């Protein structure tokens, strides 16, 4: 009995140590119970699709009165109808063609089914919660107070408009049941490695990515290490404002690819060292390594694209751990990737 008791105690200690290590890797989310960042939801696509095609000029005028900031942006930059080479009559004709186009009508039906008022309220609350974390980490940073949804011809998935408000093109979040390749199999934006993230589960993450991208300064230097840390900082902040979101969603990879990243941190770092790429200023190489792709150049086919960005996030995490007094605002200001790497005392696992 004494032996069994000792074994049980040893097992308990091992479990405690195991859990403690896990907690180091996954920081406890801060208390945001006293933090507020109210967000209003606006369903622009419903007002748009309700336009009277028999009297478009008057209907659009009413739409503009209701949504003064976004309507002009939508017609000028998303549908690109308000152009100097189109007469008012031609603009109305093209607008009618858009509203009555079968694919647009089908998308509108699917959006209405997928994103009911109740469902969108859940997403509004989810984004608002992320904004509360965002305010906690960046208290001086401006934040959106409106989330506007719209539909178009697969032009924009997320955007900032007006005074920094958020907009989401809901046609980019219909998957996985919606087959994007049916729209146009030749279009790069419908490639499998991109379209796998066009799901409702990615909506909040993509919105917050857009906000964060606008906040994190682009590196001044042109070395891979600078861009790698730049991407890592964005992922690190995204992880902190969405602490309950799976890593595979944040990185926009499959669960299997996420496992590959976790299991190959040393291999990724060793590859960059061996190929002498960490300080490369080759813009083509940097783009291929840090931007979306089916897999990462020079790595196994089972690797996801942008695998080096995962490494960037791990280096940033190590830097924050080694420098616990650094604020998020100060972290984002440091554009020298080498300074972050040196200060991280990084050792890949």
C-alpha atoms as a PDB file:
ATOM      1  CA  UNK A   1       0.000   0.000   0.000  1.00  0.00           C
ATOM      2  CA  UNK A   2       2.878   2.382   0.837  1.00  0.00           C
ATOM      3  CA  UNK A   3       4.522   1.668  -2.517  1.00  0.00           C
ATOM      4  CA  UNK A   4       1.258   2.345  -4.356  1.00  0.00           C
ATOM      5  CA  UNK A   5       0.852   5.610  -2.443  1.00  0.00           C
ATOM      6  CA  UNK A   6       4.359   6.721  -3.457  1.00  0.00           C
ATOM      7  CA  UNK A   7       3.665   5.859  -7.107  1.00  0.00           C
ATOM      8  CA  UNK A   8       0.384   7.788  -6.991  1.00  0.00           C
ATOM      9  CA  UNK A   9       2.140  10.805  -5.456  1.00  0.00           C
ATOM     10  CA  UNK A  10       4.893  10.665  -8.103  1.00  0.00           C
ATOM     11  CA  UNK A  11       2.289  10.474 -10.870  1.00  0.00           C
ATOM     12  CA  UNK A  12       0.474  13.494  -9.418  1.00  0.00           C
ATOM     13  CA  UNK A  13       3.721  15.506  -9.327  1.00  0.00           C
ATOM     14  CA  UNK A  14       4.448  14.601 -12.961  1.00  0.00           C
ATOM     15  CA  UNK A  15       0.964  15.727 -13.979  1.00  0.00           C
ATOM     16  CA  UNK A  16       1.385  19.017 -12.111  1.00  0.00           C
ATOM     17  CA  UNK A  17       4.707  19.634 -13.864  1.00  0.00           C
ATOM     18  CA  UNK A  18       3.137  18.759 -17.221  1.00  0.00           C
ATOM     19  CA  UNK A  19       0.240  21.137 -16.680  1.00  0.00           C
ATOM     20  CA  UNK A  20       2.595  23.868 -15.489  1.00  0.00           C
ATOM     21  CA  UNK A  21       4.639  23.615 -18.702  1.00  0.00           C
ATOM     22  CA  UNK A  22       1.444  23.848 -20.742  1.00  0.00           C
ATOM     23  CA  UNK A  23       0.401  26.971 -18.874  1.00  0.00           C
ATOM     24  CA  UNK A  24       3.756  28.620 -19.713  1.00  0.00           C
ATOM     25  CA  UNK A  25       3.143  28.044 -23.385  1.00  0.00           C
ATOM     26  CA  UNK A  26      -0.440  29.299 -23.184  1.00  0.00           C
ATOM     27  CA  UNK A  27      -0.605  32.534 -21.137  1.00  0.00           C
ATOM     28  CA  UNK A  28      -3.687  32.999 -19.011  1.00  0.00           C
ATOM     29  CA  UNK A  29      -5.998  35.562 -20.676  1.00  0.00           C
ATOM     30  CA  UNK A  30      -6.179  38.846 -18.755  1.00  0.00           C
ATOM     31  CA  UNK A  31      -9.289  39.921 -16.854  1.00  0.00           C
ATOM     32  CA  UNK A  32     -11.333  42.154 -19.178  1.00  0.00           C
ATOM     33  CA  UNK A  33     -14.470  42.229 -17.043  1.00  0.00           C
ATOM     34  CA  UNK A  34     -14.016  45.961 -16.458  1.00  0.00           C
ATOM     35  CA  UNK A  35     -13.108  46.764 -20.058  1.00  0.00           C
ATOM     36  CA  UNK A  36     -15.692  48.053 -22.529  1.00  0.00           C
ATOM     37  CA  UNK A  37     -15.544  48.436 -26.313  1.00  0.00           C
ATOM     38  CA  UNK A  38     -19.139  48.564 -27.637  1.00  0.00           C
ATOM     39  CA  UNK A  39     -19.749  47.474 -31.207  1.00  0.00           C
ATOM     40  CA  UNK A  40     -22.813  48.127 -33.399  1.00  0.00           C
ATOM     41  CA  UNK A  41     -23.790  45.689 -36.166  1.00  0.00           C
ATOM     42  CA  UNK A  42     -24.993  47.080 -39.523  1.00  0.00           C
ATOM     43  CA  UNK A  43     -26.418  44.758 -42.215  1.00  0.00           C
ATOM     44  CA  UNK A  44     -25.644  46.799 -45.334  1.00  0.00           C
ATOM     45  CA  UNK A  45     -26.209  43.846 -47.684  1.00  0.00           C
ATOM     46  CA  UNK A  46     -29.886  43.666 -46.733  1.00  0.00           C
ATOM     47  CA  UNK A  47     -30.538  47.299 -47.593  1.00  0.00           C
ATOM     48  CA  UNK A  48     -28.520  46.900 -50.779  1.00  0.00           C
ATOM     49  CA  UNK A  49     -30.439  43.871 -52.037  1.00  0.00           C
ATOM     50  CA  UNK A  50     -33.750  45.570 -51.153  1.00  0.00           C
ATOM     51  CA  UNK A  51     -33.101  48.382 -53.659  1.00  0.00           C
ATOM     52  CA  UNK A  52     -35.956  49.028 -56.087  1.00  0.00           C
ATOM     53  CA  UNK A  53     -34.543  48.136 -59.518  1.00  0.00           C
ATOM     54  CA  UNK A  54     -37.383  50.090 -61.157  1.00  0.00           C
ATOM     55  CA  UNK A  55     -36.248  53.310 -59.457  1.00  0.00           C
ATOM     56  CA  UNK A  56     -32.593  52.782 -58.643  1.00  0.00           C
ATOM     57  CA  UNK A  57     -31.546  56.432 -58.519  1.00  0.00           C
ATOM     58  CA  UNK A  58     -34.026  57.246 -55.744  1.00  0.00           C
ATOM     59  CA  UNK A  59     -33.322  53.969 -53.925  1.00  0.00           C
ATOM     60  CA  UNK A  60     -29.566  54.557 -53.953  1.00  0.00           C
ATOM     61  CA  UNK A  61     -30.099  58.073 -52.653  1.00  0.00           C
ATOM     62  CA  UNK A  62     -31.997  56.609 -49.684  1.00  0.00           C
ATOM     63  CA  UNK A  63     -29.280  53.986 -49.215  1.00  0.00           C
ATOM     64  CA  UNK A  64     -26.698  56.754 -49.104  1.00  0.00           C
ATOM     65  CA  UNK A  65     -28.700  58.677 -46.534  1.00  0.00           C
ATOM     66  CA  UNK A  66     -28.855  55.601 -44.330  1.00  0.00           C
ATOM     67  CA  UNK A  67     -25.202  54.578 -44.826  1.00  0.00           C
ATOM     68  CA  UNK A  68     -23.419  57.813 -45.793  1.00  0.00           C
ATOM     69  CA  UNK A  69     -19.857  56.558 -45.263  1.00  0.00           C
ATOM     70  CA  UNK A  70     -20.005  53.123 -46.800  1.00  0.00           C
ATOM     71  CA  UNK A  71     -22.312  53.537 -49.802  1.00  0.00           C
ATOM     72  CA  UNK A  72     -19.921  55.723 -51.775  1.00  0.00           C
ATOM     73  CA  UNK A  73     -16.986  53.443 -50.892  1.00  0.00           C
ATOM     74  CA  UNK A  74     -19.013  50.445 -52.002  1.00  0.00           C
ATOM     75  CA  UNK A  75     -20.107  51.924 -55.329  1.00  0.00           C
ATOM     76  CA  UNK A  76     -16.782  53.605 -56.070  1.00  0.00           C
ATOM     77  CA  UNK A  77     -14.190  51.104 -54.860  1.00  0.00           C
ATOM     78  CA  UNK A  78     -15.853  47.705 -54.476  1.00  0.00           C
ATOM     79  CA  UNK A  79     -18.270  47.570 -57.397  1.00  0.00           C
ATOM     80  CA  UNK A  80     -16.303  50.349 -59.183  1.00  0.00           C
ATOM     81  CA  UNK A  81     -19.463  51.743 -60.790  1.00  0.00           C
ATOM     82  CA  UNK A  82     -18.921  55.391 -59.901  1.00  0.00           C
ATOM     83  CA  UNK A  83     -16.305  56.168 -62.501  1.00  0.00           C
ATOM     84  CA  UNK A  84     -15.727  59.130 -64.733  1.00  0.00           C
ATOM     85  CA  UNK A  85     -16.007  56.999 -67.878  1.00  0.00           C
ATOM     86  CA  UNK A  86     -19.512  55.767 -66.930  1.00  0.00           C
ATOM     87  CA  UNK A  87     -22.481  58.051 -67.434  1.00  0.00           C
ATOM     88  CA  UNK A  88     -25.180  58.123 -64.703  1.00  0.00           C
ATOM     89  CA  UNK A  89     -27.375  56.034 -66.979  1.00  0.00           C
ATOM     90  CA  UNK A  90     -24.647  53.443 -67.469  1.00  0.00           C
ATOM     91  CA  UNK A  91     -24.031  53.298 -63.736  1.00  0.00           C
ATOM     92  CA  UNK A  92     -27.709  52.557 -63.080  1.00  0.00           C
ATOM     93  CA  UNK A  93     -27.752  49.931 -65.820  1.00  0.00           C
ATOM     94  CA  UNK A  94     -24.702  48.158 -64.369  1.00  0.00           C
ATOM     95  CA  UNK A  95     -26.121  48.369 -60.855  1.00  0.00           C
ATOM     96  CA  UNK A  96     -29.329  46.715 -62.008  1.00  0.00           C
ATOM     97  CA  UNK A  97     -27.317  43.994 -63.758  1.00  0.00           C
ATOM     98  CA  UNK A  98     -25.421  43.348 -60.516  1.00  0.00           C
ATOM     99  CA  UNK A  99     -28.548  43.160 -58.353  1.00  0.00           C
ATOM    100  CA  UNK A 100     -30.313  40.764 -60.732  1.00  0.00           C
ATOM    101  CA  UNK A 101     -27.295  38.602 -61.628  1.00  0.00           C
ATOM    102  CA  UNK A 102     -28.115  34.935 -60.752  1.00  0.00           C
ATOM    103  CA  UNK A 103     -24.869  34.307 -58.831  1.00  0.00           C
ATOM    104  CA  UNK A 104     -25.408  37.419 -56.702  1.00  0.00           C
ATOM    105  CA  UNK A 105     -28.967  36.359 -55.981  1.00  0.00           C
ATOM    106  CA  UNK A 106     -27.769  32.874 -54.998  1.00  0.00           C
ATOM    107  CA  UNK A 107     -25.068  34.295 -52.727  1.00  0.00           C
ATOM    108  CA  UNK A 108     -27.619  36.570 -51.083  1.00  0.00           C
ATOM    109  CA  UNK A 109     -29.915  33.605 -50.359  1.00  0.00           C
ATOM    110  CA  UNK A 110     -27.036  31.601 -48.872  1.00  0.00           C
ATOM    111  CA  UNK A 111     -25.849  34.557 -46.791  1.00  0.00           C
ATOM    112  CA  UNK A 112     -29.361  35.081 -45.411  1.00  0.00           C
ATOM    113  CA  UNK A 113     -29.596  31.414 -44.440  1.00  0.00           C
ATOM    114  CA  UNK A 114     -26.106  31.148 -42.981  1.00  0.00           C
ATOM    115  CA  UNK A 115     -26.002  34.523 -41.212  1.00  0.00           C
ATOM    116  CA  UNK A 116     -29.357  35.085 -39.567  1.00  0.00           C
ATOM    117  CA  UNK A 117     -29.843  37.920 -37.079  1.00  0.00           C
ATOM    118  CA  UNK A 118     -29.215  35.525 -34.198  1.00  0.00           C
ATOM    119  CA  UNK A 119     -26.019  34.140 -35.734  1.00  0.00           C
ATOM    120  CA  UNK A 120     -24.658  37.587 -36.558  1.00  0.00           C
ATOM    121  CA  UNK A 121     -25.385  38.748 -33.022  1.00  0.00           C
ATOM    122  CA  UNK A 122     -23.134  35.927 -31.792  1.00  0.00           C
ATOM    123  CA  UNK A 123     -20.372  37.116 -34.123  1.00  0.00           C
ATOM    124  CA  UNK A 124     -20.885  40.721 -33.054  1.00  0.00           C
ATOM    125  CA  UNK A 125     -20.409  39.654 -29.430  1.00  0.00           C
ATOM    126  CA  UNK A 126     -17.340  37.625 -30.392  1.00  0.00           C
ATOM    127  CA  UNK A 127     -15.726  40.555 -32.198  1.00  0.00           C
ATOM    128  CA  UNK A 128     -16.673  42.915 -29.373  1.00  0.00           C
ATOM    129  CA  UNK A 129     -14.988  40.578 -26.883  1.00  0.00           C
ATOM    130  CA  UNK A 130     -11.854  40.525 -29.063  1.00  0.00           C
ATOM    131  CA  UNK A 131     -11.920  44.332 -29.107  1.00  0.00           C
ATOM    132  CA  UNK A 132     -12.022  44.375 -25.317  1.00  0.00           C
ATOM    133  CA  UNK A 133      -8.825  42.315 -25.252  1.00  0.00           C
ATOM    134  CA  UNK A 134      -7.422  44.635 -27.920  1.00  0.00           C
ATOM    135  CA  UNK A 135      -8.196  47.614 -25.685  1.00  0.00           C
ATOM    136  CA  UNK A 136      -6.547  45.882 -22.716  1.00  0.00           C
ATOM    137  CA  UNK A 137      -3.281  45.363 -24.627  1.00  0.00           C
ATOM    138  CA  UNK A 138      -3.398  48.625 -26.607  1.00  0.00           C
ATOM    139  CA  UNK A 139      -5.403  51.044 -24.446  1.00  0.00           C
ATOM    140  CA  UNK A 140      -4.434  54.117 -26.504  1.00  0.00           C
ATOM    141  CA  UNK A 141      -5.145  52.593 -29.909  1.00  0.00           C
ATOM    142  CA  UNK A 142      -8.329  53.637 -31.738  1.00  0.00           C
ATOM    143  CA  UNK A 143     -10.944  50.915 -32.028  1.00  0.00           C
ATOM    144  CA  UNK A 144     -13.925  50.302 -34.324  1.00  0.00           C
ATOM    145  CA  UNK A 145     -17.396  50.984 -32.980  1.00  0.00           C
ATOM    146  CA  UNK A 146     -19.217  49.502 -36.000  1.00  0.00           C
ATOM    147  CA  UNK A 147     -19.161  46.124 -37.735  1.00  0.00           C
ATOM    148  CA  UNK A 148     -20.764  46.396 -41.167  1.00  0.00           C
ATOM    149  CA  UNK A 149     -21.549  43.374 -43.341  1.00  0.00           C
ATOM    150  CA  UNK A 150     -21.984  43.419 -47.111  1.00  0.00           C
ATOM    151  CA  UNK A 151     -21.853  41.188 -50.189  1.00  0.00           C
ATOM    152  CA  UNK A 152     -20.213  41.833 -53.537  1.00  0.00           C
ATOM    153  CA  UNK A 153     -18.614  39.889 -56.374  1.00  0.00           C
ATOM    154  CA  UNK A 154     -15.910  38.287 -54.188  1.00  0.00           C
ATOM    155  CA  UNK A 155     -13.945  41.521 -54.048  1.00  0.00           C
ATOM    156  CA  UNK A 156     -13.061  42.045 -50.372  1.00  0.00           C
ATOM    157  CA  UNK A 157     -13.250  39.656 -47.406  1.00  0.00           C
ATOM    158  CA  UNK A 158     -12.546  42.236 -44.679  1.00  0.00           C
ATOM    159  CA  UNK A 159     -11.708  45.925 -44.638  1.00  0.00           C
ATOM    160  CA  UNK A 160     -11.461  49.053 -42.552  1.00  0.00           C
ATOM    161  CA  UNK A 161     -13.560  51.979 -43.724  1.00  0.00           C
ATOM    162  CA  UNK A 162     -14.426  55.479 -42.591  1.00  0.00           C
ATOM    163  CA  UNK A 163     -13.012  56.268 -39.169  1.00  0.00           C
ATOM    164  CA  UNK A 164     -11.476  52.817 -38.703  1.00  0.00           C
ATOM    165  CA  UNK A 165     -14.651  50.738 -38.674  1.00  0.00           C
ATOM    166  CA  UNK A 166     -14.801  47.075 -39.681  1.00  0.00           C
ATOM    167  CA  UNK A 167     -16.503  45.641 -42.766  1.00  0.00           C
ATOM    168  CA  UNK A 168     -16.919  41.992 -43.771  1.00  0.00           C
ATOM    169  CA  UNK A 169     -17.835  40.595 -47.182  1.00  0.00           C
ATOM    170  CA  UNK A 170     -19.997  37.685 -46.060  1.00  0.00           C
ATOM    171  CA  UNK A 171     -19.698  35.778 -49.347  1.00  0.00           C
ATOM    172  CA  UNK A 172     -16.161  34.889 -48.203  1.00  0.00           C
ATOM    173  CA  UNK A 173     -17.492  32.968 -45.180  1.00  0.00           C
ATOM    174  CA  UNK A 174     -19.974  30.523 -46.679  1.00  0.00           C
ATOM    175  CA  UNK A 175     -17.784  27.400 -46.649  1.00  0.00           C
ATOM    176  CA  UNK A 176     -17.128  24.576 -46.264  1.00  0.00           C
ATOM    177  CA  UNK A 177     -20.411  23.576 -47.942  1.00  0.00           C
ATOM    178  CA  UNK A 178     -20.107  26.296 -50.573  1.00  0.00           C
ATOM    179  CA  UNK A 179     -17.750  25.230 -53.389  1.00  0.00           C
ATOM    180  CA  UNK A 180     -15.743  28.330 -54.268  1.00  0.00           C
ATOM    181  CA  UNK A 181     -14.078  26.648 -57.230  1.00  0.00           C
ATOM    182  CA  UNK A 182     -17.498  26.451 -58.878  1.00  0.00           C
ATOM    183  CA  UNK A 183     -17.421  30.246 -59.129  1.00  0.00           C
ATOM    184  CA  UNK A 184     -14.172  30.306 -61.121  1.00  0.00           C
ATOM    185  CA  UNK A 185     -11.654  27.426 -60.844  1.00  0.00           C
ATOM    186  CA  UNK A 186      -9.004  29.570 -62.584  1.00  0.00           C
ATOM    187  CA  UNK A 187      -9.081  32.386 -60.027  1.00  0.00           C
ATOM    188  CA  UNK A 188      -6.224  32.302 -57.502  1.00  0.00           C
ATOM    189  CA  UNK A 189      -8.457  33.516 -54.663  1.00  0.00           C
ATOM    190  CA  UNK A 190     -10.494  30.297 -54.945  1.00  0.00           C
ATOM    191  CA  UNK A 191      -7.442  28.005 -54.670  1.00  0.00           C
ATOM    192  CA  UNK A 192      -7.823  25.319 -52.037  1.00  0.00           C
ATOM    193  CA  UNK A 193      -5.128  26.671 -49.717  1.00  0.00           C
ATOM    194  CA  UNK A 194      -6.952  30.017 -49.559  1.00  0.00           C
ATOM    195  CA  UNK A 195     -10.578  28.882 -49.781  1.00  0.00           C
ATOM    196  CA  UNK A 196     -10.207  26.534 -46.807  1.00  0.00           C
ATOM    197  CA  UNK A 197     -10.325  29.626 -44.590  1.00  0.00           C
ATOM    198  CA  UNK A 198     -13.519  30.992 -46.187  1.00  0.00           C
ATOM    199  CA  UNK A 199     -15.657  29.628 -43.369  1.00  0.00           C
ATOM    200  CA  UNK A 200     -17.749  31.179 -40.577  1.00  0.00           C
ATOM    201  CA  UNK A 201     -15.138  30.010 -38.056  1.00  0.00           C
ATOM    202  CA  UNK A 202     -12.606  32.404 -39.614  1.00  0.00           C
ATOM    203  CA  UNK A 203     -14.811  35.504 -39.660  1.00  0.00           C
ATOM    204  CA  UNK A 204     -13.741  37.059 -36.352  1.00  0.00           C
ATOM    205  CA  UNK A 205     -10.104  36.117 -36.840  1.00  0.00           C
ATOM    206  CA  UNK A 206      -9.935  37.727 -40.284  1.00  0.00           C
ATOM    207  CA  UNK A 207     -11.622  40.882 -39.006  1.00  0.00           C
ATOM    208  CA  UNK A 208      -9.142  41.209 -36.159  1.00  0.00           C
ATOM    209  CA  UNK A 209      -6.253  40.463 -38.535  1.00  0.00           C
ATOM    210  CA  UNK A 210      -7.316  43.429 -40.650  1.00  0.00           C
ATOM    211  CA  UNK A 211      -7.407  45.694 -37.598  1.00  0.00           C
ATOM    212  CA  UNK A 212      -4.030  44.430 -36.373  1.00  0.00           C
ATOM    213  CA  UNK A 213      -2.449  44.736 -39.816  1.00  0.00           C
ATOM    214  CA  UNK A 214      -3.366  48.406 -39.787  1.00  0.00           C
ATOM    215  CA  UNK A 215      -1.754  48.820 -36.372  1.00  0.00           C
ATOM    216  CA  UNK A 216       1.577  46.965 -36.681  1.00  0.00           C
ATOM    217  CA  UNK A 217       4.232  49.090 -38.446  1.00  0.00           C
ATOM    218  CA  UNK A 218       5.684  47.565 -41.614  1.00  0.00           C
ATOM    219  CA  UNK A 219       9.437  46.923 -41.147  1.00  0.00           C
ATOM    220  CA  UNK A 220      11.763  49.557 -42.558  1.00  0.00           C
ATOM    221  CA  UNK A 221      14.540  47.095 -43.323  1.00  0.00           C
ATOM    222  CA  UNK A 222      14.209  44.505 -46.047  1.00  0.00           C
ATOM    223  CA  UNK A 223      15.697  41.408 -44.423  1.00  0.00           C
ATOM    224  CA  UNK A 224      13.744  38.206 -43.947  1.00  0.00           C
ATOM    225  CA  UNK A 225      14.262  38.409 -40.172  1.00  0.00           C
ATOM    226  CA  UNK A 226      12.500  41.787 -40.122  1.00  0.00           C
ATOM    227  CA  UNK A 227       9.503  40.509 -42.109  1.00  0.00           C
ATOM    228  CA  UNK A 228       9.431  37.261 -40.166  1.00  0.00           C
ATOM    229  CA  UNK A 229       9.206  39.166 -36.868  1.00  0.00           C
ATOM    230  CA  UNK A 230       6.640  41.548 -38.392  1.00  0.00           C
ATOM    231  CA  UNK A 231       4.397  38.595 -39.252  1.00  0.00           C
ATOM    232  CA  UNK A 232       5.127  37.032 -35.861  1.00  0.00           C
ATOM    233  CA  UNK A 233       4.047  40.165 -33.990  1.00  0.00           C
ATOM    234  CA  UNK A 234       0.731  40.213 -35.833  1.00  0.00           C
ATOM    235  CA  UNK A 235       0.116  36.555 -35.009  1.00  0.00           C
ATOM    236  CA  UNK A 236       1.142  37.085 -31.391  1.00  0.00           C
ATOM    237  CA  UNK A 237      -1.312  39.965 -30.910  1.00  0.00           C
ATOM    238  CA  UNK A 238      -4.026  38.025 -32.747  1.00  0.00           C
ATOM    239  CA  UNK A 239      -3.500  35.121 -30.366  1.00  0.00           C
ATOM    240  CA  UNK A 240      -3.797  37.420 -27.351  1.00  0.00           C
ATOM    241  CA  UNK A 241      -7.069  39.043 -28.490  1.00  0.00           C
ATOM    242  CA  UNK A 242      -8.592  35.680 -29.473  1.00  0.00           C
ATOM    243  CA  UNK A 243      -7.332  33.388 -26.690  1.00  0.00           C
ATOM    244  CA  UNK A 244     -10.003  30.730 -27.207  1.00  0.00           C
ATOM    245  CA  UNK A 245      -9.648  30.456 -30.991  1.00  0.00           C
ATOM    246  CA  UNK A 246      -7.796  27.342 -32.255  1.00  0.00           C
ATOM    247  CA  UNK A 247      -4.273  27.958 -33.565  1.00  0.00           C
ATOM    248  CA  UNK A 248      -5.224  26.339 -36.872  1.00  0.00           C
ATOM    249  CA  UNK A 249      -7.800  29.107 -37.422  1.00  0.00           C
ATOM    250  CA  UNK A 250      -5.392  31.895 -36.439  1.00  0.00           C
ATOM    251  CA  UNK A 251      -2.727  30.526 -38.812  1.00  0.00           C
ATOM    252  CA  UNK A 252      -5.343  29.590 -41.449  1.00  0.00           C
ATOM    253  CA  UNK A 253      -4.028  26.046 -41.828  1.00  0.00           C
ATOM    254  CA  UNK A 254      -5.492  22.576 -41.378  1.00  0.00           C
ATOM    255  CA  UNK A 255      -5.255  20.777 -38.027  1.00  0.00           C
ATOM    256  CA  UNK A 256      -2.669  18.420 -39.566  1.00  0.00           C
ATOM    257  CA  UNK A 257      -0.579  21.328 -40.821  1.00  0.00           C
ATOM    258  CA  UNK A 258      -0.748  22.946 -37.393  1.00  0.00           C
ATOM    259  CA  UNK A 259       0.634  19.727 -35.914  1.00  0.00           C
ATOM    260  CA  UNK A 260       3.399  19.831 -38.527  1.00  0.00           C
ATOM    261  CA  UNK A 261       4.331  23.380 -37.502  1.00  0.00           C
ATOM    262  CA  UNK A 262       4.446  22.470 -33.817  1.00  0.00           C
ATOM    263  CA  UNK A 263       6.601  19.425 -34.553  1.00  0.00           C
ATOM    264  CA  UNK A 264       9.030  21.158 -36.904  1.00  0.00           C
ATOM    265  CA  UNK A 265       9.996  24.410 -35.175  1.00  0.00           C
ATOM    266  CA  UNK A 266      13.641  23.285 -34.955  1.00  0.00           C
ATOM    267  CA  UNK A 267      13.630  22.074 -38.570  1.00  0.00           C
ATOM    268  CA  UNK A 268      12.230  25.389 -39.873  1.00  0.00           C
ATOM    269  CA  UNK A 269      14.854  27.385 -38.012  1.00  0.00           C
ATOM    270  CA  UNK A 270      17.651  25.015 -39.080  1.00  0.00           C
ATOM    271  CA  UNK A 271      16.543  25.284 -42.715  1.00  0.00           C
ATOM    272  CA  UNK A 272      16.733  29.088 -42.668  1.00  0.00           C
ATOM    273  CA  UNK A 273      20.150  28.923 -41.015  1.00  0.00           C
ATOM    274  CA  UNK A 274      21.494  26.291 -43.407  1.00  0.00           C
ATOM    275  CA  UNK A 275      20.281  28.145 -46.505  1.00  0.00           C
ATOM    276  CA  UNK A 276      21.538  31.473 -45.081  1.00  0.00           C
ATOM    277  CA  UNK A 277      18.073  32.965 -45.645  1.00  0.00           C
ATOM    278  CA  UNK A 278      17.445  34.604 -42.274  1.00  0.00           C
ATOM    279  CA  UNK A 279      19.161  37.827 -43.331  1.00  0.00           C
ATOM    280  CA  UNK A 280      18.347  37.633 -47.030  1.00  0.00           C
ATOM    281  CA  UNK A 281      17.114  40.831 -48.690  1.00  0.00           C
ATOM    282  CA  UNK A 282      15.781  38.993 -51.736  1.00  0.00           C
ATOM    283  CA  UNK A 283      12.244  40.411 -51.984  1.00  0.00           C
ATOM    284  CA  UNK A 284      11.013  37.533 -54.143  1.00  0.00           C
ATOM    285  CA  UNK A 285      12.239  34.964 -51.613  1.00  0.00           C
ATOM    286  CA  UNK A 286      10.788  36.907 -48.685  1.00  0.00           C
ATOM    287  CA  UNK A 287       7.392  37.107 -50.379  1.00  0.00           C
ATOM    288  CA  UNK A 288       7.398  33.389 -51.196  1.00  0.00           C
ATOM    289  CA  UNK A 289       8.255  32.481 -47.606  1.00  0.00           C
ATOM    290  CA  UNK A 290       5.923  34.847 -45.735  1.00  0.00           C
ATOM    291  CA  UNK A 291       2.866  35.078 -48.008  1.00  0.00           C
ATOM    292  CA  UNK A 292       0.095  32.465 -48.550  1.00  0.00           C
ATOM    293  CA  UNK A 293       1.056  29.462 -50.673  1.00  0.00           C
ATOM    294  CA  UNK A 294       0.162  25.747 -50.931  1.00  0.00           C
ATOM    295  CA  UNK A 295       3.403  24.906 -49.060  1.00  0.00           C
ATOM    296  CA  UNK A 296       6.581  26.700 -48.009  1.00  0.00           C
ATOM    297  CA  UNK A 297       9.376  26.873 -50.570  1.00  0.00           C
ATOM    298  CA  UNK A 298      12.269  24.536 -49.738  1.00  0.00           C
ATOM    299  CA  UNK A 299      10.259  22.592 -47.148  1.00  0.00           C
ATOM    300  CA  UNK A 300       8.293  19.323 -47.402  1.00  0.00           C
ATOM    301  CA  UNK A 301       5.007  19.388 -49.305  1.00  0.00           C
ATOM    302  CA  UNK A 302       3.112  18.690 -46.082  1.00  0.00           C
ATOM    303  CA  UNK A 303       4.295  22.020 -44.717  1.00  0.00           C
ATOM    304  CA  UNK A 304       1.763  24.851 -44.980  1.00  0.00           C
ATOM    305  CA  UNK A 305       2.610  28.072 -46.735  1.00  0.00           C
ATOM    306  CA  UNK A 306       4.014  30.807 -44.473  1.00  0.00           C
ATOM    307  CA  UNK A 307       5.598  28.242 -42.129  1.00  0.00           C
ATOM    308  CA  UNK A 308       8.291  30.795 -41.264  1.00  0.00           C
ATOM    309  CA  UNK A 309       5.619  33.093 -39.806  1.00  0.00           C
ATOM    310  CA  UNK A 310       4.970  30.480 -37.118  1.00  0.00           C
ATOM    311  CA  UNK A 311       8.654  30.720 -36.286  1.00  0.00           C
ATOM    312  CA  UNK A 312       8.312  34.498 -36.104  1.00  0.00           C
ATOM    313  CA  UNK A 313       5.495  34.148 -33.572  1.00  0.00           C
ATOM    314  CA  UNK A 314       7.564  31.767 -31.429  1.00  0.00           C
ATOM    315  CA  UNK A 315      10.487  34.213 -31.421  1.00  0.00           C
ATOM    316  CA  UNK A 316       8.160  37.050 -30.388  1.00  0.00           C
ATOM    317  CA  UNK A 317       6.736  34.879 -27.596  1.00  0.00           C
ATOM    318  CA  UNK A 318      10.263  34.149 -26.394  1.00  0.00           C
ATOM    319  CA  UNK A 319      11.096  37.869 -26.478  1.00  0.00           C
ATOM    320  CA  UNK A 320       8.059  38.759 -24.349  1.00  0.00           C
ATOM    321  CA  UNK A 321       8.899  35.987 -21.889  1.00  0.00           C
ATOM    322  CA  UNK A 322      12.501  37.246 -21.622  1.00  0.00           C
ATOM    323  CA  UNK A 323      11.351  40.864 -21.335  1.00  0.00           C
ATOM    324  CA  UNK A 324       8.186  40.734 -19.189  1.00  0.00           C
ATOM    325  CA  UNK A 325       8.036  44.504 -18.712  1.00  0.00           C
ATOM    326  CA  UNK A 326       7.727  45.282 -22.411  1.00  0.00           C
ATOM    327  CA  UNK A 327       4.263  46.600 -23.281  1.00  0.00           C
ATOM    328  CA  UNK A 328       2.386  45.503 -26.375  1.00  0.00           C
ATOM    329  CA  UNK A 329       2.648  49.018 -27.799  1.00  0.00           C
ATOM    330  CA  UNK A 330       6.415  49.052 -27.338  1.00  0.00           C
ATOM    331  CA  UNK A 331       6.753  45.552 -28.787  1.00  0.00           C
ATOM    332  CA  UNK A 332       4.932  46.598 -31.952  1.00  0.00           C
ATOM    333  CA  UNK A 333       7.168  49.646 -32.336  1.00  0.00           C
ATOM    334  CA  UNK A 334      10.406  47.622 -32.495  1.00  0.00           C
ATOM    335  CA  UNK A 335      10.947  47.194 -36.235  1.00  0.00           C
ATOM    336  CA  UNK A 336      14.454  45.700 -36.022  1.00  0.00           C
ATOM    337  CA  UNK A 337      13.930  41.948 -36.269  1.00  0.00           C
ATOM    338  CA  UNK A 338      17.494  41.246 -35.196  1.00  0.00           C
ATOM    339  CA  UNK A 339      16.898  43.173 -31.953  1.00  0.00           C
ATOM    340  CA  UNK A 340      13.858  41.011 -31.174  1.00  0.00           C
ATOM    341  CA  UNK A 341      15.751  37.816 -32.022  1.00  0.00           C
ATOM    342  CA  UNK A 342      18.735  38.762 -29.838  1.00  0.00           C
ATOM    343  CA  UNK A 343      16.535  39.900 -26.958  1.00  0.00           C
ATOM    344  CA  UNK A 344      14.458  36.706 -27.148  1.00  0.00           C
ATOM    345  CA  UNK A 345      17.398  34.428 -26.372  1.00  0.00           C
ATOM    346  CA  UNK A 346      15.447  32.132 -28.659  1.00  0.00           C
ATOM    347  CA  UNK A 347      15.950  28.385 -28.594  1.00  0.00           C
ATOM    348  CA  UNK A 348      13.617  26.468 -30.939  1.00  0.00           C
ATOM    349  CA  UNK A 349      11.845  23.459 -29.442  1.00  0.00           C
END
